[in-house]
Amino acid sequence: MTVTTPEQVRPGRVLALVGGWSFEGSQFNRATQAQRQPGSSFKPFVYLTALRKGISPSQRFLDAPIVMDMGAAGRWRPNNYGMDFGGPTPLRIALEKSLNLVTLRVAQAVGMEAVAETAIAFHEVDSMPRVLPAALGAVETTVLREAGAYASLATLGKEVIPTLIDSVQDPDGHVVWRPSAVSCGDCGDQGKAPVLTDQRKEIADAASVFQIVTMMQGVTTRGTGVPVVAGLNRPVAGKTGTTQDFTDAWFSGFTPDLVTTVWVGFDAPAPLGNNQTGGAVAGPIWREFMMTALKGRPVLSFQAPPGVTMATWDSGFGSVTDAFKPDQVPGASRPLGGGMATAPGADGATPAGSQGVHGGVDSSLGGIY
């Protein structure tokens, strides 16, 4: 249980919800009922799992081809959207660029069981298969579920359950139920700032969640979400999502006080069109809504919790600023196996290359990645 002030509380109240354009034409609510794959908007939960295990934002993983034997289904050769490979790549940069191959190696390193535990704890999904394609968002969720999961990121790991009800009162006006485990014991004195008691469950440690939130800000300042937040002029954390064959397009993003998720797709899953990505299709809708919703609201920054230090380091793709835990060295990367790699000079170690990835690198490419 923690004591907090009102500006720190984000209770999960749904302020707007659109599940279709005509209730007469269709009573199906696509925001709450449509089970769709989130694609890369699922990746923050993979990376958060790694951060919770002590892996730092500067840890490098190998961005190189992967071939997996899927049994009767044959061999699976996943690729990045850009069909390119960057070699050893920091975790931070991999999220900015939404690199599939790095994400798979991160999932291999931490284990899909741990990834599933994180995704379920954040209510992104009820359940999920413990298979690597799930790390790329090959699971099913709803728009409301994803908004709630991202809201729990905005609260730095406090559980948020979206609600449409503020309170239930008896005939005498006494409150008999509230949706949030946040209460105010004595809010009668208007001359004092209220102090709230927060009993919401902590589903992840604040330091790790702040690390992923900082990395997700990189998505909007340097990565795939840059065009989406143009003109908002305030800190935003977010992630694009696009599924196979451009069937589902997502953008989920948040400021410290408002979370919005947008999904675009057909009721009967079908391609939206070539290159119709989450940033290109869902992003402009998200931006237009947030430009109106945030108008006149104060510009807030994400507040670092105790136990992390902000530091600027050279990622090899430009200078970036990330949050590091006390035992982490900004810019350092260490050979841990499982497709992780160390950049020369990062911490005095030699490059680890693809050590630990047994059969993970496509040898038919002759070692040229």
Protein backbone atom coordinates (compact mmCIF):
# COMPACT_ATOMS: atom_id res chain seq x y z
CA MET A 1 0.00 0.00 0.00
CA THR A 2 1.30 3.45 -0.85
CA VAL A 3 0.19 6.99 -0.14
CA THR A 4 0.04 9.22 -3.16
CA THR A 5 -1.24 12.58 -4.34
CA PRO A 6 -4.08 13.02 -6.86
CA GLU A 7 -1.86 13.91 -9.81
CA GLN A 8 -0.11 10.55 -9.42
CA VAL A 9 -3.34 8.55 -9.60
CA ARG A 10 -4.56 7.24 -12.95
CA PRO A 11 -7.60 5.16 -12.05
CA GLY A 12 -8.42 3.62 -15.43
CA ARG A 13 -11.64 5.52 -16.08
CA VAL A 14 -12.66 5.12 -19.74
CA LEU A 15 -13.30 8.62 -21.10
CA ALA A 16 -14.20 7.64 -24.68
CA LEU A 17 -14.89 4.36 -26.43
CA VAL A 18 -15.80 3.78 -30.06
CA GLY A 19 -16.51 0.24 -31.24
CA GLY A 20 -18.04 0.99 -34.64
CA TRP A 21 -19.61 3.72 -36.73
CA SER A 22 -23.26 2.58 -36.71
CA PHE A 23 -25.03 0.65 -33.96
CA GLU A 24 -27.98 0.17 -36.30
CA GLY A 25 -25.70 -1.40 -38.88
CA SER A 26 -23.81 -3.59 -36.39
CA GLN A 27 -24.13 -4.10 -32.65
CA PHE A 28 -20.69 -5.72 -32.53
CA ASN A 29 -18.35 -3.62 -30.36
CA ARG A 30 -14.92 -3.81 -31.94
CA ALA A 31 -13.26 -2.10 -28.99
CA THR A 32 -14.39 -4.64 -26.43
CA GLN A 33 -15.37 -7.78 -28.36
CA ALA A 34 -13.09 -8.08 -31.39
CA GLN A 35 -10.23 -10.50 -30.65
CA ARG A 36 -7.36 -9.40 -32.87
CA GLN A 37 -3.59 -9.82 -33.01
CA PRO A 38 -1.71 -6.78 -31.64
CA GLY A 39 1.43 -7.34 -33.69
CA SER A 40 4.40 -5.27 -32.57
CA SER A 41 2.36 -3.32 -30.02
CA PHE A 42 2.84 -6.47 -27.91
CA LYS A 43 6.64 -6.08 -27.92
CA PRO A 44 6.89 -3.75 -24.88
CA PHE A 45 5.86 -6.69 -22.70
CA VAL A 46 8.67 -8.82 -24.12
CA TYR A 47 11.21 -6.09 -23.45
CA LEU A 48 9.75 -5.34 -20.03
CA THR A 49 10.26 -8.99 -19.12
CA ALA A 50 13.94 -8.64 -19.99
CA LEU A 51 14.26 -5.42 -17.99
CA ARG A 52 12.65 -7.11 -14.97
CA LYS A 53 15.34 -9.77 -15.18
CA GLY A 54 18.08 -7.15 -14.92
CA ILE A 55 18.91 -6.76 -18.61
CA SER A 56 19.72 -3.10 -19.33
CA PRO A 57 18.48 -0.87 -22.17
CA SER A 58 21.99 -0.87 -23.66
CA GLN A 59 22.34 -4.67 -23.76
CA ARG A 60 23.02 -5.73 -27.33
CA PHE A 61 21.26 -8.59 -29.08
CA LEU A 62 22.08 -9.99 -32.47
CA ASP A 63 19.95 -8.67 -35.31
CA ALA A 64 20.60 -11.46 -37.81
CA PRO A 65 18.62 -14.16 -39.64
CA ILE A 66 16.89 -16.88 -37.65
CA VAL A 67 15.66 -20.23 -38.95
CA MET A 68 13.47 -22.39 -36.76
CA ASP A 69 12.33 -25.94 -37.35
CA MET A 70 8.55 -25.96 -36.84
CA GLY A 71 8.17 -29.70 -37.36
CA ALA A 72 5.43 -30.63 -39.80
CA ALA A 73 4.96 -26.94 -40.63
CA GLY A 74 8.48 -26.79 -42.02
CA ARG A 75 11.07 -24.11 -41.33
CA TRP A 76 10.13 -20.65 -40.13
CA ARG A 77 12.30 -17.77 -41.36
CA PRO A 78 11.03 -14.60 -39.69
CA ASN A 79 12.36 -11.27 -40.85
CA ASN A 80 12.36 -7.59 -39.99
CA TYR A 81 9.88 -5.30 -41.71
CA GLY A 82 12.72 -3.65 -43.63
CA MET A 83 14.18 -7.02 -44.70
CA ASP A 84 17.58 -5.94 -43.36
CA PHE A 85 19.93 -6.92 -40.51
CA GLY A 86 21.87 -4.65 -38.20
CA GLY A 87 24.13 -7.02 -36.30
CA PRO A 88 24.58 -6.38 -32.55
CA THR A 89 21.82 -3.93 -31.62
CA PRO A 90 20.99 -2.34 -28.24
CA LEU A 91 17.63 -3.24 -26.68
CA ARG A 92 16.62 0.41 -26.79
CA ILE A 93 17.26 0.74 -30.53
CA ALA A 94 15.57 -2.58 -31.31
CA LEU A 95 12.34 -1.32 -29.75
CA GLU A 96 12.56 2.02 -31.56
CA LYS A 97 12.98 0.24 -34.88
CA SER A 98 10.55 -2.58 -33.93
CA LEU A 99 13.06 -5.26 -34.95
CA ASN A 100 11.44 -8.69 -35.05
CA LEU A 101 14.67 -10.68 -35.01
CA VAL A 102 16.02 -8.97 -31.90
CA THR A 103 12.65 -9.38 -30.20
CA LEU A 104 12.75 -13.12 -30.85
CA ARG A 105 16.23 -13.38 -29.40
CA VAL A 106 15.14 -11.43 -26.33
CA ALA A 107 12.22 -13.83 -25.92
CA GLN A 108 14.61 -16.77 -26.30
CA ALA A 109 16.90 -15.32 -23.65
CA VAL A 110 14.23 -14.66 -21.00
CA GLY A 111 11.92 -17.56 -21.91
CA MET A 112 8.39 -17.47 -23.25
CA GLU A 113 7.01 -18.57 -19.89
CA ALA A 114 8.26 -15.33 -18.35
CA VAL A 115 6.94 -13.28 -21.29
CA ALA A 116 3.52 -14.88 -20.88
CA GLU A 117 3.52 -14.14 -17.15
CA THR A 118 4.17 -10.45 -17.84
CA ALA A 119 1.51 -10.17 -20.55
CA ILE A 120 -1.09 -11.93 -18.41
CA ALA A 121 -0.25 -9.87 -15.32
CA PHE A 122 -0.83 -6.68 -17.33
CA HIS A 123 -4.11 -8.15 -18.70
CA GLU A 124 -2.93 -7.77 -22.28
CA VAL A 125 -4.13 -11.36 -22.71
CA ASP A 126 -5.98 -13.95 -20.62
CA SER A 127 -3.71 -16.73 -21.80
CA MET A 128 -1.19 -17.30 -24.56
CA PRO A 129 0.86 -20.10 -26.11
CA ARG A 130 4.47 -20.37 -24.99
CA VAL A 131 5.82 -20.23 -28.54
CA LEU A 132 8.17 -17.68 -30.06
CA PRO A 133 5.76 -16.26 -32.68
CA ALA A 134 3.67 -15.00 -29.73
CA ALA A 135 6.54 -12.63 -28.89
CA LEU A 136 5.78 -10.81 -32.17
CA GLY A 137 2.14 -10.35 -31.20
CA ALA A 138 0.71 -13.57 -32.65
CA VAL A 139 -1.80 -13.66 -29.80
CA GLU A 140 -5.31 -12.26 -29.45
CA THR A 141 -6.44 -9.28 -27.42
CA THR A 142 -8.96 -6.44 -27.59
CA VAL A 143 -8.53 -2.70 -27.92
CA LEU A 144 -9.82 -2.18 -24.36
CA ARG A 145 -7.44 -4.81 -22.99
CA GLU A 146 -4.45 -3.22 -24.65
CA ALA A 147 -5.44 0.24 -23.44
CA GLY A 148 -5.63 -1.13 -19.90
CA ALA A 149 -2.27 -2.86 -20.23
CA TYR A 150 -0.63 0.35 -21.45
CA ALA A 151 -2.33 2.25 -18.62
CA SER A 152 -0.56 -0.08 -16.19
CA LEU A 153 2.69 0.94 -17.86
CA ALA A 154 1.77 4.60 -17.34
CA THR A 155 1.23 3.93 -13.62
CA LEU A 156 4.72 2.37 -13.42
CA GLY A 157 3.41 -1.12 -12.73
CA LYS A 158 0.27 -0.48 -10.70
CA GLU A 159 -2.60 -2.63 -11.96
CA VAL A 160 -5.21 -0.69 -13.92
CA ILE A 161 -8.56 -2.25 -14.80
CA PRO A 162 -10.52 -0.08 -17.25
CA THR A 163 -13.93 0.91 -15.92
CA LEU A 164 -17.00 2.79 -17.14
CA ILE A 165 -18.44 3.24 -13.63
CA ASP A 166 -17.23 5.82 -11.13
CA SER A 167 -19.14 4.55 -8.09
CA VAL A 168 -22.26 2.79 -6.85
CA GLN A 169 -24.33 4.49 -4.14
CA ASP A 170 -27.15 3.34 -1.90
CA PRO A 171 -30.48 5.26 -1.70
CA ASP A 172 -29.01 7.54 0.96
CA GLY A 173 -26.08 8.53 -1.19
CA HIS A 174 -23.47 6.46 0.58
CA VAL A 175 -20.81 4.98 -1.68
CA VAL A 176 -20.95 1.19 -1.50
CA TRP A 177 -18.48 0.44 -4.30
CA ARG A 178 -15.75 2.10 -6.28
CA PRO A 179 -13.81 0.47 -9.11
CA SER A 180 -10.37 1.62 -7.99
CA ALA A 181 -8.46 0.58 -4.90
CA VAL A 182 -7.63 4.24 -4.30
CA SER A 183 -9.36 5.94 -1.37
CA CYS A 184 -9.27 9.22 0.49
CA GLY A 185 -9.75 8.90 4.24
CA ASP A 186 -10.31 12.59 4.91
CA CYS A 187 -11.01 14.77 1.91
CA GLY A 188 -13.39 17.14 3.70
CA ASP A 189 -10.90 19.92 4.31
CA GLN A 190 -10.76 21.91 1.09
CA GLY A 191 -7.86 23.93 2.45
CA LYS A 192 -5.55 20.93 2.29
CA ALA A 193 -4.39 18.88 -0.65
CA PRO A 194 -5.99 15.45 -0.42
CA VAL A 195 -3.80 12.47 0.38
CA LEU A 196 -4.95 9.24 -1.20
CA THR A 197 -4.30 5.66 -0.15
CA ASP A 198 -3.36 3.48 -3.12
CA GLN A 199 -3.96 -0.23 -2.58
CA ARG A 200 -3.68 -1.29 -6.21
CA LYS A 201 -1.65 -4.39 -6.85
CA GLU A 202 1.91 -3.91 -8.06
CA ILE A 203 2.27 -6.16 -11.09
CA ALA A 204 5.83 -5.10 -11.97
CA ASP A 205 8.52 -3.10 -10.21
CA ALA A 206 8.44 0.63 -10.93
CA ALA A 207 12.12 0.82 -11.94
CA SER A 208 11.75 -1.73 -14.75
CA VAL A 209 8.47 -0.23 -15.96
CA PHE A 210 10.00 3.25 -16.02
CA GLN A 211 12.81 1.83 -18.14
CA ILE A 212 10.39 0.50 -20.75
CA VAL A 213 8.36 3.73 -20.67
CA THR A 214 11.55 5.70 -21.36
CA MET A 215 12.39 3.36 -24.22
CA MET A 216 8.87 3.77 -25.59
CA GLN A 217 9.38 7.52 -25.60
CA GLY A 218 12.23 6.76 -27.98
CA VAL A 219 9.70 5.16 -30.32
CA THR A 220 7.94 8.53 -30.61
CA THR A 221 11.05 10.73 -30.76
CA ARG A 222 13.33 8.60 -32.97
CA GLY A 223 11.49 5.48 -34.08
CA THR A 224 8.40 4.25 -35.89
CA GLY A 225 6.06 6.58 -33.98
CA VAL A 226 7.71 9.91 -34.82
CA PRO A 227 5.07 11.05 -37.38
CA VAL A 228 2.27 10.00 -35.05
CA VAL A 229 3.09 12.46 -32.26
CA ALA A 230 4.16 15.37 -34.46
CA GLY A 231 2.76 18.62 -33.08
CA LEU A 232 1.74 17.31 -29.67
CA ASN A 233 4.81 18.94 -28.10
CA ARG A 234 4.77 16.86 -24.94
CA PRO A 235 6.30 13.59 -23.70
CA VAL A 236 4.56 10.58 -25.24
CA ALA A 237 5.37 6.88 -24.94
CA GLY A 238 3.92 4.52 -27.50
CA LYS A 239 4.26 1.65 -29.91
CA THR A 240 3.09 0.86 -33.42
CA GLY A 241 1.67 -2.53 -34.30
CA THR A 242 1.18 -4.23 -37.66
CA THR A 243 0.24 -7.85 -38.24
CA GLN A 244 1.11 -10.20 -41.08
CA ASP A 245 -0.12 -9.16 -44.53
CA PHE A 246 -1.10 -5.75 -43.08
CA THR A 247 -4.30 -7.22 -41.65
CA ASP A 248 -4.35 -5.26 -38.37
CA ALA A 249 -2.95 -1.78 -37.75
CA TRP A 250 -2.45 -0.47 -34.19
CA PHE A 251 -1.08 2.49 -32.35
CA SER A 252 -1.14 2.56 -28.56
CA GLY A 253 0.37 5.51 -26.78
CA PHE A 254 0.12 7.56 -23.62
CA THR A 255 1.09 10.72 -21.83
CA PRO A 256 1.47 10.58 -18.04
CA ASP A 257 -2.27 11.21 -17.69
CA LEU A 258 -4.04 9.81 -20.78
CA VAL A 259 -3.86 6.50 -22.66
CA THR A 260 -5.35 5.89 -26.10
CA THR A 261 -5.37 2.78 -28.29
CA VAL A 262 -6.46 2.75 -31.93
CA TRP A 263 -6.98 -0.36 -34.06
CA VAL A 264 -7.93 -0.44 -37.74
CA GLY A 265 -8.99 -3.58 -39.57
CA PHE A 266 -11.84 -5.46 -41.24
CA ASP A 267 -14.39 -7.50 -39.28
CA ALA A 268 -13.45 -10.50 -41.40
CA PRO A 269 -9.64 -10.32 -41.25
CA ALA A 270 -8.24 -9.22 -44.61
CA PRO A 271 -5.26 -7.13 -45.76
CA LEU A 272 -5.70 -3.37 -45.47
CA GLY A 273 -3.34 -2.88 -48.39
CA ASN A 274 0.37 -2.92 -49.06
CA ASN A 275 2.45 -1.00 -46.49
CA GLN A 276 -0.64 -0.09 -44.45
CA THR A 277 1.20 -0.18 -41.14
CA GLY A 278 0.09 0.83 -37.68
CA GLY A 279 1.99 4.10 -37.91
CA ALA A 280 0.49 4.93 -41.31
CA VAL A 281 -3.13 3.88 -40.66
CA ALA A 282 -3.91 3.88 -36.93
CA GLY A 283 -1.35 6.56 -36.07
CA PRO A 284 -3.09 9.53 -37.74
CA ILE A 285 -6.38 8.66 -36.00
CA TRP A 286 -4.58 8.47 -32.67
CA ARG A 287 -2.88 11.80 -33.31
CA GLU A 288 -6.08 13.61 -34.32
CA PHE A 289 -7.90 12.36 -31.23
CA MET A 290 -5.06 13.19 -28.85
CA MET A 291 -4.57 16.67 -30.32
CA THR A 292 -8.13 17.44 -29.24
CA ALA A 293 -8.13 15.48 -25.98
CA LEU A 294 -4.89 17.05 -24.72
CA LYS A 295 -5.70 20.60 -25.78
CA GLY A 296 -5.50 22.85 -22.74
CA ARG A 297 -4.16 20.10 -20.48
CA PRO A 298 -0.86 20.69 -18.66
CA VAL A 299 2.30 19.27 -20.19
CA LEU A 300 3.43 16.50 -17.84
CA SER A 301 6.65 14.51 -17.75
CA PHE A 302 7.10 10.89 -16.74
CA GLN A 303 8.55 10.93 -13.22
CA ALA A 304 11.43 8.60 -12.46
CA PRO A 305 10.90 6.38 -9.41
CA PRO A 306 13.60 5.84 -6.78
CA GLY A 307 16.32 3.43 -7.82
CA VAL A 308 16.99 4.58 -11.37
CA THR A 309 19.42 7.09 -12.83
CA MET A 310 18.97 8.85 -16.13
CA ALA A 311 22.07 8.76 -18.34
CA THR A 312 22.94 9.65 -21.93
CA TRP A 313 24.98 7.10 -23.85
CA ASP A 314 26.18 6.43 -27.39
CA SER A 315 23.98 3.72 -28.86
CA GLY A 316 25.89 3.50 -32.13
CA PHE A 317 22.76 4.98 -33.68
CA GLY A 318 23.14 8.36 -31.99
CA SER A 319 23.07 9.53 -28.39
CA VAL A 320 20.06 8.41 -26.35
CA THR A 321 18.96 8.89 -22.75
CA ASP A 322 17.75 5.94 -20.73
CA ALA A 323 17.04 4.90 -17.17
CA PHE A 324 19.54 2.57 -15.53
CA LYS A 325 19.37 0.61 -12.29
CA PRO A 326 22.19 0.94 -9.73
CA ASP A 327 24.10 -2.13 -10.94
CA GLN A 328 23.88 -1.19 -14.63
CA VAL A 329 26.50 0.76 -16.57
CA PRO A 330 25.07 3.06 -19.27
CA GLY A 331 26.17 1.84 -22.69
CA ALA A 332 27.56 -1.43 -21.40
CA SER A 333 26.66 -4.80 -22.85
CA ARG A 334 27.83 -8.19 -21.68
CA PRO A 335 27.86 -11.62 -23.34
CA LEU A 336 25.04 -13.63 -21.83
CA GLY A 337 24.37 -16.11 -24.64
CA GLY A 338 21.00 -16.59 -26.30
CA GLY A 339 21.82 -14.27 -29.19
CA MET A 340 23.15 -11.42 -27.08
CA ALA A 341 26.21 -9.61 -28.30
CA THR A 342 28.77 -7.18 -26.93
CA ALA A 343 29.93 -4.21 -28.93
CA PRO A 344 33.68 -3.70 -28.99
CA GLY A 345 34.75 -1.37 -26.20
CA ALA A 346 31.32 -1.25 -24.56
CA ASP A 347 32.58 -2.89 -21.39
CA GLY A 348 36.00 -4.15 -22.32
CA ALA A 349 34.73 -7.46 -23.68
CA THR A 350 35.08 -8.85 -27.17
CA PRO A 351 32.07 -9.32 -29.46
CA ALA A 352 29.99 -12.37 -28.57
CA GLY A 353 28.44 -12.65 -32.03
CA SER A 354 25.85 -15.40 -32.13
CA GLN A 355 27.19 -17.48 -29.27
CA GLY A 356 24.40 -19.28 -27.46
CA VAL A 357 22.06 -19.43 -30.45
CA HIS A 358 22.19 -23.09 -31.38
CA GLY A 359 21.09 -23.36 -34.98
CA GLY A 360 19.52 -19.92 -34.71
CA VAL A 361 21.57 -18.26 -37.45
CA ASP A 362 20.91 -19.34 -41.03
CA SER A 363 24.26 -20.88 -41.97
CA SER A 364 23.26 -20.96 -45.63
CA LEU A 365 24.01 -17.24 -45.75
CA GLY A 366 27.71 -17.99 -45.33
CA GLY A 367 28.05 -15.93 -42.18
CA ILE A 368 27.27 -12.65 -44.00
CA TYR A 369 24.54 -10.81 -42.11
